[in-house]
Amino acid sequence: MSERPGAATNELDVESQSSAWFALVDAGKGDASWSAAGALFREALDPARWDEQLRAAREPLGPVTSRVIAVDQKLDAIPGAPEAEYVVRQYHSVYDRSRAVTETLTLQHEGDGVWRVVGYFIR
């Protein structure tokens, strides 16, 4: 089975960007995670609103104790966003004060060739 050219590099880039962004979010660094996110994310939320939403969603859960990727899906489009290369990753996560949390991270391959987070949902 052959992969498309650059597929392995893309997967490494997606993993690297996902991990780096989660490190910022896990540390409660709202401003830094907003700055590291992609254009769609930054256009949808101003930094203060993102920081407020991040704290409201994550502080009650306590520190993350484990996070395992459950779904890794490549898409050419997502609802409400322009056609582009996307990766949607779902994680089964456990936090100190919560169990069975699902985190969904959406990354977009932006025009400069970098994968960046453009969506984050936790339930």
Protein backbone atom coordinates (compact mmCIF):
# COMPACT_ATOMS: atom_id res chain seq x y z
CA MET A 1 0.00 0.00 0.00
CA SER A 2 1.54 3.33 -0.98
CA GLU A 3 0.86 6.64 0.69
CA ARG A 4 0.49 9.91 -1.09
CA PRO A 5 3.69 12.00 -1.20
CA GLY A 6 4.23 13.90 1.99
CA ALA A 7 1.62 11.88 3.91
CA ALA A 8 4.05 10.79 6.63
CA THR A 9 5.34 14.35 7.00
CA ASN A 10 1.77 15.67 7.22
CA GLU A 11 0.93 13.14 9.95
CA LEU A 12 4.02 14.14 11.92
CA ASP A 13 3.16 17.82 11.47
CA VAL A 14 -0.44 17.25 12.61
CA GLU A 15 0.75 15.30 15.66
CA SER A 16 3.37 17.94 16.51
CA GLN A 17 0.93 20.84 16.17
CA SER A 18 -1.78 19.01 18.13
CA SER A 19 0.60 18.22 20.99
CA ALA A 20 2.05 21.73 21.10
CA TRP A 21 -1.39 23.34 21.12
CA PHE A 22 -2.70 20.99 23.80
CA ALA A 23 0.37 21.80 25.93
CA LEU A 24 -0.65 25.48 25.86
CA VAL A 25 -4.30 24.73 26.60
CA ASP A 26 -3.43 22.26 29.37
CA ALA A 27 -1.24 24.93 30.98
CA GLY A 28 -4.16 27.40 30.89
CA LYS A 29 -2.36 29.69 28.43
CA GLY A 30 -5.38 31.13 26.64
CA ASP A 31 -3.54 33.98 24.93
CA ALA A 32 -0.73 31.76 23.67
CA SER A 33 -3.11 29.04 22.43
CA TRP A 34 -5.21 31.69 20.65
CA SER A 35 -2.07 33.08 18.98
CA ALA A 36 -0.94 29.59 17.91
CA ALA A 37 -4.35 28.74 16.42
CA GLY A 38 -5.28 29.10 12.78
CA ALA A 39 -6.94 32.03 11.09
CA LEU A 40 -10.47 30.56 11.22
CA PHE A 41 -10.18 30.14 14.98
CA ARG A 42 -8.79 33.64 15.55
CA GLU A 43 -11.46 35.19 13.31
CA ALA A 44 -14.25 33.43 15.23
CA LEU A 45 -13.11 34.40 18.73
CA ASP A 46 -11.22 37.32 20.18
CA PRO A 47 -8.46 36.40 22.68
CA ALA A 48 -10.41 37.51 25.77
CA ARG A 49 -13.50 35.51 24.78
CA TRP A 50 -11.36 32.43 24.06
CA ASP A 51 -9.60 32.72 27.41
CA GLU A 52 -12.97 33.00 29.17
CA GLN A 53 -14.40 29.97 27.35
CA LEU A 54 -11.26 27.93 27.94
CA ARG A 55 -11.28 28.60 31.67
CA ALA A 56 -15.01 27.90 31.97
CA ALA A 57 -14.66 24.56 30.17
CA ARG A 58 -11.42 23.30 31.65
CA GLU A 59 -11.01 24.60 35.21
CA PRO A 60 -13.88 22.50 36.67
CA LEU A 61 -12.24 19.34 35.27
CA GLY A 62 -8.88 19.73 36.97
CA PRO A 63 -5.62 18.66 35.32
CA VAL A 64 -5.67 16.24 32.40
CA THR A 65 -4.39 12.81 33.47
CA SER A 66 -4.61 10.98 30.13
CA ARG A 67 -5.49 11.69 26.52
CA VAL A 68 -5.69 8.99 23.85
CA ILE A 69 -6.53 9.60 20.22
CA ALA A 70 -9.63 7.67 19.19
CA VAL A 71 -10.42 9.12 15.73
CA ASP A 72 -8.13 10.70 13.14
CA GLN A 73 -10.09 11.76 10.07
CA LYS A 74 -8.85 13.62 7.00
CA LEU A 75 -11.40 15.81 5.21
CA ASP A 76 -11.49 18.22 2.27
CA ALA A 77 -14.29 20.30 3.76
CA ILE A 78 -16.11 20.86 7.02
CA PRO A 79 -19.48 22.58 7.50
CA GLY A 80 -19.29 26.36 7.58
CA ALA A 81 -15.64 26.53 6.52
CA PRO A 82 -13.90 26.95 3.17
CA GLU A 83 -12.67 23.94 1.22
CA ALA A 84 -9.19 23.04 2.43
CA GLU A 85 -7.30 20.14 3.95
CA TYR A 86 -8.56 19.38 7.45
CA VAL A 87 -7.85 16.77 10.06
CA VAL A 88 -10.43 16.11 12.77
CA ARG A 89 -9.09 14.28 15.79
CA GLN A 90 -11.17 12.99 18.67
CA TYR A 91 -9.52 12.10 21.93
CA HIS A 92 -10.79 10.10 24.88
CA SER A 93 -9.48 12.11 27.80
CA VAL A 94 -9.53 11.76 31.55
CA TYR A 95 -9.21 14.71 33.90
CA ASP A 96 -8.55 14.69 37.62
CA ARG A 97 -12.18 15.49 38.47
CA SER A 98 -13.94 14.00 35.43
CA ARG A 99 -14.07 10.81 33.39
CA ALA A 100 -15.11 9.99 29.83
CA VAL A 101 -14.45 13.41 28.32
CA THR A 102 -14.30 13.64 24.54
CA GLU A 103 -12.11 16.38 23.07
CA THR A 104 -12.36 17.19 19.38
CA LEU A 105 -9.55 19.08 17.70
CA THR A 106 -9.82 20.31 14.11
CA LEU A 107 -6.69 21.35 12.25
CA GLN A 108 -6.42 23.07 8.87
CA HIS A 109 -3.47 22.95 6.51
CA GLU A 110 -3.05 26.68 5.98
CA GLY A 111 -1.63 28.50 2.97
CA ASP A 112 1.84 28.78 4.51
CA GLY A 113 2.04 24.97 4.70
CA VAL A 114 1.54 24.75 8.49
CA TRP A 115 -1.21 22.74 10.19
CA ARG A 116 -3.00 24.86 12.79
CA VAL A 117 -5.89 24.29 15.16
CA VAL A 118 -9.10 25.88 13.91
CA GLY A 119 -11.56 24.19 16.26
CA TYR A 120 -11.69 22.73 19.76
CA PHE A 121 -14.69 21.20 21.49
CA ILE A 122 -14.91 19.35 24.78
CA ARG A 123 -17.86 17.33 26.05
